[in-house]
C-alpha cells in the first residue's frame, strides 16, 4: 500500500521499490500512469505487457524505448508514443509486414473496386466500413473461416468504428473472386 501511494505521487519511485513490487502489475500501472518513463524500472515481463506499455507511452512517448522489442514496433504503441496524433505509417507497415499481418484489397470481380468490412464475420452482418482496391489492411489476427479481423489502427489512421471489423477474403460464394490477399 505504501509503495502504491508512492508511485502514484511519483512514478519514478518505482526505481526504489523491491523486485517484487516492480513485477506487480497494479503497482507498475499506477507508476506509468504518473510517469511513463517509470516503465524502465518495471520487470521484464511487464515491459512486455501490452496494456502497461500502452499506458506508459500514452503518458510519455519516450517510454517506448523501454518496452520489449516487439511492442516497440507495434503500430498502436507507435501511434500512442507519437503524441501528435500523426500515424507513423512506416513503423506500422513494417511491424505488420514482420508479423505477417499486412494484406491488400484486390476486389476481383467487384465493379467499383470497394469491399465492405462487417461488424462480425458474416456477409449478412452490418457493414461498418469500406475499403478500396489497392488499400493495404493491417490484420488484428489470423483469418477465421475466411474472414480477416482488422486492427483498429490502419496505415491511413484509426478506423472510425473501433469495434472489431471483418472483411471477407474470398468472395466466390457471393459471385466475386478474391477480395483480400
N, C-alpha and C. Protein backbone atom coordinates (compact mmCIF):
# COMPACT_ATOMS: atom_id res chain seq x y z
N UNK A 1 0.83 -1.20 0.00
CA UNK A 1 0.00 0.00 0.00
C UNK A 1 0.87 1.26 0.00
N UNK A 2 1.94 1.25 0.78
CA UNK A 2 2.84 2.40 0.84
C UNK A 2 3.50 2.62 -0.52
N UNK A 3 3.94 1.54 -1.14
CA UNK A 3 4.59 1.64 -2.45
C UNK A 3 3.61 2.16 -3.49
N UNK A 4 2.38 1.66 -3.46
CA UNK A 4 1.35 2.11 -4.39
C UNK A 4 1.12 3.61 -4.28
N UNK A 5 1.02 4.10 -3.07
CA UNK A 5 0.85 5.54 -2.86
C UNK A 5 2.06 6.33 -3.35
N UNK A 6 3.25 5.80 -3.11
CA UNK A 6 4.48 6.48 -3.53
C UNK A 6 4.56 6.60 -5.05
N UNK A 7 4.23 5.52 -5.77
CA UNK A 7 4.34 5.58 -7.24
C UNK A 7 3.21 6.40 -7.85
N UNK A 8 2.10 6.51 -7.15
CA UNK A 8 1.02 7.39 -7.64
C UNK A 8 1.47 8.86 -7.58
N UNK A 9 2.25 9.18 -6.54
CA UNK A 9 2.79 10.54 -6.39
C UNK A 9 3.91 10.80 -7.39
N UNK A 10 4.81 9.84 -7.53
CA UNK A 10 5.95 9.96 -8.44
C UNK A 10 6.25 8.58 -9.01
N UNK A 11 5.93 8.39 -10.27
CA UNK A 11 6.12 7.09 -10.90
C UNK A 11 7.53 6.56 -10.80
N UNK A 12 8.50 7.46 -10.81
CA UNK A 12 9.89 7.01 -10.76
C UNK A 12 10.30 6.47 -9.40
N UNK A 13 9.43 6.57 -8.42
CA UNK A 13 9.70 5.93 -7.12
C UNK A 13 9.75 4.42 -7.30
N UNK A 14 9.24 3.93 -8.42
CA UNK A 14 9.31 2.51 -8.72
C UNK A 14 10.76 2.02 -8.73
N UNK A 15 11.69 2.91 -9.06
CA UNK A 15 13.12 2.59 -9.08
C UNK A 15 13.59 2.08 -7.71
N UNK A 16 12.99 2.55 -6.65
CA UNK A 16 13.43 2.22 -5.30
C UNK A 16 12.60 1.10 -4.67
N UNK A 17 11.64 0.60 -5.43
CA UNK A 17 10.78 -0.48 -4.93
C UNK A 17 11.48 -1.83 -5.08
N UNK A 18 11.01 -2.81 -4.35
CA UNK A 18 11.58 -4.16 -4.43
C UNK A 18 11.28 -4.76 -5.80
N UNK A 19 12.04 -5.80 -6.16
CA UNK A 19 11.81 -6.51 -7.43
C UNK A 19 10.37 -7.04 -7.47
N UNK A 20 9.88 -7.48 -6.33
CA UNK A 20 8.51 -7.98 -6.25
C UNK A 20 7.50 -6.89 -6.64
N UNK A 21 7.71 -5.68 -6.14
CA UNK A 21 6.81 -4.57 -6.46
C UNK A 21 6.98 -4.13 -7.92
N UNK A 22 8.21 -4.23 -8.44
CA UNK A 22 8.46 -3.88 -9.84
C UNK A 22 7.81 -4.89 -10.80
N UNK A 23 7.42 -6.03 -10.25
CA UNK A 23 6.74 -7.06 -11.03
C UNK A 23 5.24 -7.11 -10.74
N UNK A 24 4.77 -6.22 -9.87
CA UNK A 24 3.35 -6.18 -9.52
C UNK A 24 2.64 -5.29 -10.53
N UNK A 25 1.72 -5.87 -11.30
CA UNK A 25 1.07 -5.15 -12.39
C UNK A 25 0.33 -3.90 -11.91
N UNK A 26 -0.39 -3.99 -10.81
CA UNK A 26 -1.13 -2.83 -10.31
C UNK A 26 -0.19 -1.69 -9.92
N UNK A 27 0.91 -2.03 -9.28
CA UNK A 27 1.89 -1.01 -8.88
C UNK A 27 2.50 -0.35 -10.11
N UNK A 28 2.88 -1.17 -11.08
CA UNK A 28 3.52 -0.62 -12.30
C UNK A 28 2.52 0.21 -13.10
N UNK A 29 1.28 -0.24 -13.20
CA UNK A 29 0.27 0.57 -13.91
C UNK A 29 0.10 1.94 -13.25
N UNK A 30 0.09 1.97 -11.93
CA UNK A 30 -0.02 3.24 -11.21
C UNK A 30 1.22 4.11 -11.47
N UNK A 31 2.38 3.48 -11.49
CA UNK A 31 3.62 4.22 -11.72
C UNK A 31 3.66 4.85 -13.11
N UNK A 32 3.33 4.06 -14.14
CA UNK A 32 3.41 4.60 -15.51
C UNK A 32 2.29 5.59 -15.80
N UNK A 33 1.19 5.49 -15.06
CA UNK A 33 0.13 6.49 -15.21
C UNK A 33 0.61 7.84 -14.68
N UNK A 34 1.47 7.81 -13.68
CA UNK A 34 2.03 9.02 -13.10
C UNK A 34 3.20 9.55 -13.93
N UNK A 35 4.04 8.63 -14.40
CA UNK A 35 5.23 9.00 -15.18
C UNK A 35 5.56 7.83 -16.10
N UNK A 36 5.30 7.99 -17.38
CA UNK A 36 5.52 6.92 -18.34
C UNK A 36 6.93 6.36 -18.33
N UNK A 37 7.90 7.20 -18.02
CA UNK A 37 9.29 6.75 -18.02
C UNK A 37 9.59 5.78 -16.88
N UNK A 38 8.67 5.62 -15.95
CA UNK A 38 8.83 4.63 -14.89
C UNK A 38 8.85 3.22 -15.47
N UNK A 39 8.44 3.07 -16.72
CA UNK A 39 8.47 1.76 -17.37
C UNK A 39 9.87 1.15 -17.31
N UNK A 40 10.88 1.97 -17.34
CA UNK A 40 12.26 1.46 -17.31
C UNK A 40 12.57 0.67 -16.04
N UNK A 41 11.81 0.88 -14.97
CA UNK A 41 12.06 0.20 -13.70
C UNK A 41 11.15 -1.02 -13.51
N UNK A 42 10.25 -1.24 -14.45
CA UNK A 42 9.34 -2.38 -14.35
C UNK A 42 10.07 -3.67 -14.69
N UNK A 43 9.51 -4.77 -14.24
CA UNK A 43 10.09 -6.08 -14.55
C UNK A 43 10.06 -6.31 -16.06
N UNK A 44 10.90 -7.22 -16.51
CA UNK A 44 10.95 -7.55 -17.94
C UNK A 44 9.59 -8.00 -18.44
N UNK A 45 8.90 -8.80 -17.65
CA UNK A 45 7.58 -9.29 -18.05
C UNK A 45 6.60 -8.15 -18.25
N UNK A 46 6.64 -7.16 -17.39
CA UNK A 46 5.70 -6.04 -17.53
C UNK A 46 6.12 -5.06 -18.62
N UNK A 47 7.39 -5.05 -18.98
CA UNK A 47 7.81 -4.24 -20.13
C UNK A 47 7.38 -4.90 -21.44
N UNK A 48 6.86 -6.13 -21.34
CA UNK A 48 6.31 -6.85 -22.49
C UNK A 48 4.79 -6.96 -22.40
N UNK A 49 4.19 -6.31 -21.41
CA UNK A 49 2.74 -6.32 -21.21
C UNK A 49 2.13 -5.17 -22.03
N UNK A 50 1.28 -5.52 -22.98
CA UNK A 50 0.72 -4.53 -23.91
C UNK A 50 0.04 -3.37 -23.19
N UNK A 51 -0.80 -3.67 -22.23
CA UNK A 51 -1.55 -2.62 -21.53
C UNK A 51 -0.62 -1.70 -20.75
N UNK A 52 0.36 -2.27 -20.09
CA UNK A 52 1.31 -1.46 -19.32
C UNK A 52 2.09 -0.54 -20.25
N UNK A 53 2.59 -1.08 -21.34
CA UNK A 53 3.38 -0.28 -22.29
C UNK A 53 2.51 0.80 -22.93
N UNK A 54 1.31 0.44 -23.33
CA UNK A 54 0.42 1.43 -23.94
C UNK A 54 0.15 2.59 -22.98
N UNK A 55 -0.15 2.27 -21.72
CA UNK A 55 -0.41 3.32 -20.74
C UNK A 55 0.84 4.19 -20.54
N UNK A 56 2.02 3.56 -20.53
CA UNK A 56 3.27 4.31 -20.34
C UNK A 56 3.51 5.28 -21.50
N UNK A 57 3.36 4.80 -22.73
CA UNK A 57 3.64 5.68 -23.88
C UNK A 57 2.56 6.74 -24.07
N UNK A 58 1.35 6.45 -23.60
CA UNK A 58 0.32 7.49 -23.64
C UNK A 58 0.67 8.62 -22.70
N UNK A 59 1.32 8.29 -21.58
CA UNK A 59 1.70 9.31 -20.61
C UNK A 59 2.96 10.04 -21.08
N UNK A 60 3.91 9.30 -21.67
CA UNK A 60 5.16 9.89 -22.16
C UNK A 60 5.69 9.01 -23.30
N UNK A 61 5.62 9.52 -24.50
CA UNK A 61 6.03 8.76 -25.68
C UNK A 61 7.44 8.21 -25.62
N UNK A 62 8.29 8.86 -24.86
CA UNK A 62 9.68 8.39 -24.77
C UNK A 62 9.79 7.05 -24.05
N UNK A 63 8.74 6.63 -23.35
CA UNK A 63 8.75 5.35 -22.64
C UNK A 63 8.85 4.18 -23.62
N UNK A 64 8.51 4.43 -24.87
CA UNK A 64 8.56 3.37 -25.88
C UNK A 64 9.93 2.68 -25.92
N UNK A 65 10.99 3.43 -25.69
CA UNK A 65 12.34 2.85 -25.76
C UNK A 65 12.58 1.79 -24.69
N UNK A 66 11.76 1.76 -23.63
CA UNK A 66 11.94 0.79 -22.55
C UNK A 66 11.04 -0.44 -22.71
N UNK A 67 10.19 -0.42 -23.74
CA UNK A 67 9.29 -1.55 -23.99
C UNK A 67 10.04 -2.71 -24.62
N UNK A 68 9.48 -3.88 -24.49
CA UNK A 68 10.02 -5.07 -25.14
C UNK A 68 10.04 -4.81 -26.64
N UNK A 69 11.02 -5.37 -27.33
CA UNK A 69 11.28 -5.05 -28.74
C UNK A 69 10.05 -5.20 -29.64
N UNK A 70 9.32 -6.28 -29.53
CA UNK A 70 8.16 -6.49 -30.39
C UNK A 70 7.11 -5.41 -30.17
N UNK A 71 6.91 -5.00 -28.92
CA UNK A 71 5.93 -3.95 -28.64
C UNK A 71 6.40 -2.59 -29.15
N UNK A 72 7.70 -2.36 -29.18
CA UNK A 72 8.19 -1.07 -29.71
C UNK A 72 7.77 -0.89 -31.15
N UNK A 73 7.64 -1.99 -31.90
CA UNK A 73 7.28 -1.89 -33.31
C UNK A 73 5.78 -2.03 -33.55
N UNK A 74 5.00 -2.24 -32.49
CA UNK A 74 3.55 -2.35 -32.63
C UNK A 74 2.96 -1.01 -33.07
N UNK A 75 2.08 -1.06 -34.04
CA UNK A 75 1.50 0.17 -34.60
C UNK A 75 0.76 1.02 -33.59
N UNK A 76 -0.04 0.41 -32.73
CA UNK A 76 -0.82 1.16 -31.75
C UNK A 76 0.11 1.83 -30.74
N UNK A 77 1.16 1.12 -30.35
CA UNK A 77 2.14 1.69 -29.42
C UNK A 77 2.85 2.86 -30.09
N UNK A 78 3.24 2.68 -31.35
CA UNK A 78 3.91 3.77 -32.08
C UNK A 78 3.00 4.98 -32.20
N UNK A 79 1.73 4.73 -32.49
CA UNK A 79 0.74 5.81 -32.62
C UNK A 79 0.63 6.58 -31.30
N UNK A 80 0.48 5.84 -30.21
CA UNK A 80 0.33 6.46 -28.90
C UNK A 80 1.59 7.22 -28.50
N UNK A 81 2.75 6.68 -28.85
CA UNK A 81 4.02 7.32 -28.49
C UNK A 81 4.23 8.61 -29.26
N UNK A 82 3.68 8.69 -30.46
CA UNK A 82 3.86 9.87 -31.30
C UNK A 82 3.31 11.11 -30.63
N UNK A 83 2.16 10.97 -29.98
CA UNK A 83 1.60 12.06 -29.21
C UNK A 83 0.98 13.20 -29.98
N UNK A 84 1.33 13.35 -31.25
CA UNK A 84 0.79 14.48 -32.00
C UNK A 84 -0.39 14.07 -32.86
N UNK A 85 -0.83 12.81 -32.73
CA UNK A 85 -1.97 12.34 -33.48
C UNK A 85 -1.63 11.86 -34.88
N UNK A 86 -0.39 11.99 -35.29
CA UNK A 86 0.01 11.56 -36.63
C UNK A 86 0.35 10.07 -36.59
N UNK A 87 -0.14 9.34 -37.56
CA UNK A 87 0.19 7.93 -37.64
C UNK A 87 1.59 7.79 -38.21
N UNK A 88 2.39 7.03 -37.54
CA UNK A 88 3.70 6.68 -38.06
C UNK A 88 3.46 5.48 -38.95
N UNK A 89 2.97 5.72 -40.17
CA UNK A 89 2.55 4.63 -41.04
C UNK A 89 3.72 3.73 -41.45
N UNK A 90 4.92 4.29 -41.55
CA UNK A 90 6.08 3.46 -41.91
C UNK A 90 6.33 2.41 -40.83
N UNK A 91 6.31 2.82 -39.56
CA UNK A 91 6.52 1.89 -38.46
C UNK A 91 5.41 0.85 -38.40
N UNK A 92 4.18 1.29 -38.57
CA UNK A 92 3.03 0.38 -38.54
C UNK A 92 3.12 -0.62 -39.68
N UNK A 93 3.44 -0.15 -40.88
CA UNK A 93 3.54 -1.03 -42.05
C UNK A 93 4.65 -2.06 -41.84
N UNK A 94 5.80 -1.61 -41.36
CA UNK A 94 6.92 -2.50 -41.12
C UNK A 94 6.56 -3.57 -40.09
N UNK A 95 5.93 -3.16 -38.99
CA UNK A 95 5.53 -4.11 -37.95
C UNK A 95 4.52 -5.12 -38.51
N UNK A 96 3.55 -4.64 -39.28
CA UNK A 96 2.55 -5.54 -39.84
C UNK A 96 3.19 -6.53 -40.81
N UNK A 97 4.13 -6.07 -41.61
CA UNK A 97 4.82 -6.96 -42.54
C UNK A 97 5.61 -8.03 -41.77
N UNK A 98 6.36 -7.60 -40.76
CA UNK A 98 7.17 -8.52 -39.97
C UNK A 98 6.32 -9.58 -39.27
N UNK A 99 5.12 -9.20 -38.90
CA UNK A 99 4.24 -10.10 -38.16
C UNK A 99 3.28 -10.86 -39.09
N UNK A 100 3.43 -10.67 -40.41
CA UNK A 100 2.57 -11.35 -41.38
C UNK A 100 1.13 -10.90 -41.31
N UNK A 101 0.92 -9.62 -40.97
CA UNK A 101 -0.44 -9.11 -40.81
C UNK A 101 -0.79 -8.02 -41.81
N UNK A 102 -0.03 -7.90 -42.90
CA UNK A 102 -0.31 -6.88 -43.90
C UNK A 102 -0.97 -7.54 -45.11
N UNK A 103 -2.14 -7.07 -45.48
CA UNK A 103 -2.92 -7.61 -46.59
C UNK A 103 -3.26 -6.47 -47.55
N UNK A 104 -3.72 -6.83 -48.75
CA UNK A 104 -4.10 -5.82 -49.75
C UNK A 104 -5.49 -6.17 -50.30
N UNK A 105 -6.32 -5.13 -50.48
CA UNK A 105 -7.63 -5.31 -51.10
C UNK A 105 -7.42 -5.49 -52.59
N UNK A 106 -7.91 -6.61 -53.15
CA UNK A 106 -7.80 -6.85 -54.59
C UNK A 106 -9.15 -6.72 -55.28
N UNK A 107 -10.22 -7.04 -54.59
CA UNK A 107 -11.59 -6.85 -55.07
C UNK A 107 -11.83 -7.38 -56.48
N UNK A 108 -11.39 -8.64 -56.73
CA UNK A 108 -11.59 -9.25 -58.05
C UNK A 108 -13.08 -9.41 -58.34
N UNK A 109 -13.51 -8.94 -59.50
CA UNK A 109 -14.89 -9.07 -59.91
C UNK A 109 -15.83 -8.07 -59.28
N UNK A 110 -15.31 -7.14 -58.52
CA UNK A 110 -16.13 -6.11 -57.87
C UNK A 110 -16.07 -4.86 -58.75
N UNK A 111 -17.20 -4.49 -59.34
CA UNK A 111 -17.24 -3.44 -60.36
C UNK A 111 -16.58 -2.12 -59.92
N UNK A 112 -16.92 -1.62 -58.81
CA UNK A 112 -16.38 -0.32 -58.38
C UNK A 112 -15.11 -0.44 -57.56
N UNK A 113 -14.72 -1.66 -57.20
CA UNK A 113 -13.46 -1.88 -56.50
C UNK A 113 -13.47 -1.59 -55.02
N UNK A 114 -14.64 -1.54 -54.40
CA UNK A 114 -14.76 -1.30 -52.96
C UNK A 114 -15.32 -2.54 -52.29
N UNK A 115 -14.78 -2.91 -51.13
CA UNK A 115 -15.34 -4.00 -50.35
C UNK A 115 -15.75 -3.46 -48.98
N UNK A 116 -16.71 -4.14 -48.39
CA UNK A 116 -17.20 -3.71 -47.08
C UNK A 116 -16.51 -4.49 -45.97
N UNK A 117 -16.36 -3.83 -44.82
CA UNK A 117 -15.99 -4.56 -43.61
C UNK A 117 -17.26 -4.65 -42.78
N UNK A 118 -17.36 -5.75 -42.04
CA UNK A 118 -18.60 -6.06 -41.32
C UNK A 118 -18.36 -6.13 -39.82
N UNK A 119 -19.44 -5.97 -39.05
CA UNK A 119 -19.37 -5.98 -37.60
C UNK A 119 -19.09 -7.37 -37.04
N UNK A 120 -19.30 -8.39 -37.82
CA UNK A 120 -18.98 -9.76 -37.42
C UNK A 120 -18.61 -10.54 -38.69
N UNK A 121 -17.99 -11.71 -38.55
CA UNK A 121 -17.58 -12.47 -39.73
C UNK A 121 -18.75 -13.17 -40.41
N UNK A 122 -19.61 -12.36 -41.04
CA UNK A 122 -20.82 -12.86 -41.67
C UNK A 122 -21.24 -11.83 -42.71
N UNK A 123 -21.47 -12.25 -43.94
CA UNK A 123 -21.83 -11.32 -45.01
C UNK A 123 -23.14 -10.60 -44.74
N UNK A 124 -24.00 -11.19 -43.90
CA UNK A 124 -25.28 -10.56 -43.57
C UNK A 124 -25.15 -9.55 -42.43
N UNK A 125 -23.99 -9.49 -41.79
CA UNK A 125 -23.79 -8.55 -40.67
C UNK A 125 -23.73 -7.12 -41.20
N UNK A 126 -23.98 -6.18 -40.32
CA UNK A 126 -23.94 -4.77 -40.69
C UNK A 126 -22.59 -4.41 -41.29
N UNK A 127 -22.62 -3.64 -42.37
CA UNK A 127 -21.39 -3.09 -42.95
C UNK A 127 -21.00 -1.88 -42.11
N UNK A 128 -19.74 -1.84 -41.67
CA UNK A 128 -19.30 -0.75 -40.80
C UNK A 128 -18.13 0.04 -41.40
N UNK A 129 -17.68 -0.35 -42.58
CA UNK A 129 -16.57 0.37 -43.23
C UNK A 129 -16.45 -0.05 -44.67
N UNK A 130 -15.72 0.74 -45.46
CA UNK A 130 -15.49 0.45 -46.87
C UNK A 130 -14.00 0.61 -47.15
N UNK A 131 -13.49 -0.26 -48.04
CA UNK A 131 -12.06 -0.26 -48.35
C UNK A 131 -11.90 -0.42 -49.86
N UNK A 132 -11.11 0.44 -50.48
CA UNK A 132 -10.98 0.41 -51.93
C UNK A 132 -9.84 -0.49 -52.40
N UNK A 133 -9.97 -0.92 -53.65
CA UNK A 133 -8.97 -1.78 -54.27
C UNK A 133 -7.59 -1.12 -54.15
N UNK A 134 -6.59 -1.93 -53.76
CA UNK A 134 -5.23 -1.44 -53.62
C UNK A 134 -4.87 -1.02 -52.20
N UNK A 135 -5.86 -0.79 -51.37
CA UNK A 135 -5.58 -0.37 -49.99
C UNK A 135 -4.94 -1.51 -49.21
N UNK A 136 -3.94 -1.18 -48.43
CA UNK A 136 -3.33 -2.17 -47.54
C UNK A 136 -4.08 -2.16 -46.22
N UNK A 137 -4.32 -3.37 -45.72
CA UNK A 137 -5.05 -3.54 -44.47
C UNK A 137 -4.15 -4.23 -43.44
N UNK A 138 -4.24 -3.79 -42.19
CA UNK A 138 -3.50 -4.40 -41.11
C UNK A 138 -4.47 -5.29 -40.34
N UNK A 139 -4.13 -6.58 -40.27
CA UNK A 139 -4.98 -7.55 -39.57
C UNK A 139 -4.71 -7.53 -38.08
N UNK A 140 -5.76 -7.78 -37.30
CA UNK A 140 -5.62 -7.88 -35.85
C UNK A 140 -5.21 -9.29 -35.45
N UNK A 141 -5.35 -10.22 -36.35
CA UNK A 141 -5.01 -11.61 -36.06
C UNK A 141 -5.12 -12.44 -37.32
N UNK A 142 -5.11 -13.74 -37.16
CA UNK A 142 -5.22 -14.66 -38.29
C UNK A 142 -6.65 -14.72 -38.80
N UNK A 143 -6.80 -15.04 -40.09
CA UNK A 143 -8.16 -15.20 -40.63
C UNK A 143 -8.92 -16.30 -39.89
N UNK A 144 -10.23 -16.08 -39.79
CA UNK A 144 -11.13 -17.03 -39.13
C UNK A 144 -12.21 -17.41 -40.14
N UNK A 145 -12.22 -18.67 -40.55
CA UNK A 145 -13.20 -19.17 -41.52
C UNK A 145 -13.33 -18.27 -42.75
N UNK A 146 -12.17 -17.79 -43.25
CA UNK A 146 -12.17 -16.98 -44.46
C UNK A 146 -12.41 -15.49 -44.24
N UNK A 147 -12.51 -15.09 -42.99
CA UNK A 147 -12.73 -13.68 -42.65
C UNK A 147 -11.49 -13.14 -41.95
N UNK A 148 -11.09 -11.93 -42.31
CA UNK A 148 -9.91 -11.30 -41.73
C UNK A 148 -10.33 -10.23 -40.72
N UNK A 149 -9.90 -10.36 -39.45
CA UNK A 149 -10.22 -9.30 -38.46
C UNK A 149 -9.25 -8.14 -38.66
N UNK A 150 -9.77 -6.94 -38.71
CA UNK A 150 -8.93 -5.76 -38.91
C UNK A 150 -8.48 -5.16 -37.59
N UNK A 151 -7.23 -4.73 -37.58
CA UNK A 151 -6.70 -3.99 -36.42
C UNK A 151 -7.41 -2.64 -36.42
N UNK A 152 -7.65 -2.06 -35.25
CA UNK A 152 -8.35 -0.77 -35.20
C UNK A 152 -7.48 0.38 -35.68
N UNK A 153 -6.19 0.13 -35.88
CA UNK A 153 -5.30 1.14 -36.42
C UNK A 153 -4.83 0.68 -37.80
N UNK A 154 -5.10 1.49 -38.80
CA UNK A 154 -4.71 1.17 -40.17
C UNK A 154 -3.66 2.18 -40.64
N UNK A 155 -3.06 1.94 -41.80
CA UNK A 155 -1.98 2.79 -42.29
C UNK A 155 -2.43 4.23 -42.50
N UNK A 156 -3.71 4.43 -42.80
CA UNK A 156 -4.22 5.79 -43.02
C UNK A 156 -4.89 6.36 -41.77
N UNK A 157 -4.69 5.71 -40.62
CA UNK A 157 -5.24 6.21 -39.36
C UNK A 157 -6.15 5.18 -38.72
N UNK A 158 -6.73 5.52 -37.58
CA UNK A 158 -7.59 4.56 -36.88
C UNK A 158 -8.92 4.40 -37.61
N UNK A 159 -9.51 3.21 -37.49
CA UNK A 159 -10.84 3.00 -38.04
C UNK A 159 -11.81 3.90 -37.28
N UNK A 160 -12.79 4.42 -37.99
CA UNK A 160 -13.77 5.30 -37.34
C UNK A 160 -14.59 4.51 -36.33
N UNK A 161 -15.05 3.33 -36.71
CA UNK A 161 -15.77 2.45 -35.80
C UNK A 161 -14.74 1.48 -35.23
N UNK A 162 -14.41 1.62 -33.97
CA UNK A 162 -13.31 0.83 -33.40
C UNK A 162 -13.73 -0.55 -32.89
N UNK A 163 -15.00 -0.94 -33.12
CA UNK A 163 -15.34 -2.33 -32.84
C UNK A 163 -14.59 -3.18 -33.85
N UNK A 164 -14.40 -4.45 -33.56
CA UNK A 164 -13.67 -5.31 -34.50
C UNK A 164 -14.42 -5.34 -35.82
N UNK A 165 -13.69 -5.09 -36.90
CA UNK A 165 -14.25 -5.15 -38.23
C UNK A 165 -13.68 -6.35 -38.95
N UNK A 166 -14.49 -6.96 -39.80
CA UNK A 166 -14.10 -8.17 -40.51
C UNK A 166 -14.29 -7.96 -42.01
N UNK A 167 -13.34 -8.46 -42.81
CA UNK A 167 -13.51 -8.44 -44.27
C UNK A 167 -13.41 -9.87 -44.78
N UNK A 168 -14.28 -10.18 -45.73
CA UNK A 168 -14.28 -11.48 -46.37
C UNK A 168 -13.10 -11.54 -47.33
N UNK A 169 -12.33 -12.61 -47.27
CA UNK A 169 -11.12 -12.71 -48.09
C UNK A 169 -11.40 -13.26 -49.49
N UNK A 170 -12.33 -14.18 -49.61
CA UNK A 170 -12.65 -14.79 -50.89
C UNK A 170 -14.14 -14.61 -51.13
N UNK A 171 -14.48 -13.88 -52.17
CA UNK A 171 -15.88 -13.57 -52.44
C UNK A 171 -16.56 -14.52 -53.40
N UNK A 172 -15.97 -15.70 -53.67
CA UNK A 172 -16.56 -16.62 -54.65
C UNK A 172 -17.98 -17.07 -54.26
N UNK A 173 -18.25 -17.16 -52.97
CA UNK A 173 -19.59 -17.56 -52.54
C UNK A 173 -20.62 -16.47 -52.83
N UNK A 174 -20.15 -15.27 -53.13
CA UNK A 174 -21.04 -14.14 -53.44
C UNK A 174 -20.98 -13.75 -54.92
N UNK A 175 -20.26 -14.56 -55.71
CA UNK A 175 -20.17 -14.26 -57.14
C UNK A 175 -18.99 -13.38 -57.52
N UNK A 176 -18.06 -13.20 -56.61
CA UNK A 176 -16.86 -12.40 -56.87
C UNK A 176 -15.64 -13.32 -56.83
N UNK A 177 -14.49 -12.75 -56.96
CA UNK A 177 -13.26 -13.53 -56.84
C UNK A 177 -12.60 -13.22 -55.50
N UNK A 178 -11.27 -13.26 -55.53
CA UNK A 178 -10.51 -12.96 -54.33
C UNK A 178 -10.72 -11.49 -53.96
N UNK A 179 -11.02 -11.22 -52.69
CA UNK A 179 -11.26 -9.85 -52.25
C UNK A 179 -10.04 -9.26 -51.54
N UNK A 180 -9.36 -10.09 -50.75
CA UNK A 180 -8.19 -9.63 -49.98
C UNK A 180 -7.11 -10.70 -50.09
N UNK A 181 -5.86 -10.27 -50.27
CA UNK A 181 -4.75 -11.23 -50.28
C UNK A 181 -3.61 -10.71 -49.45
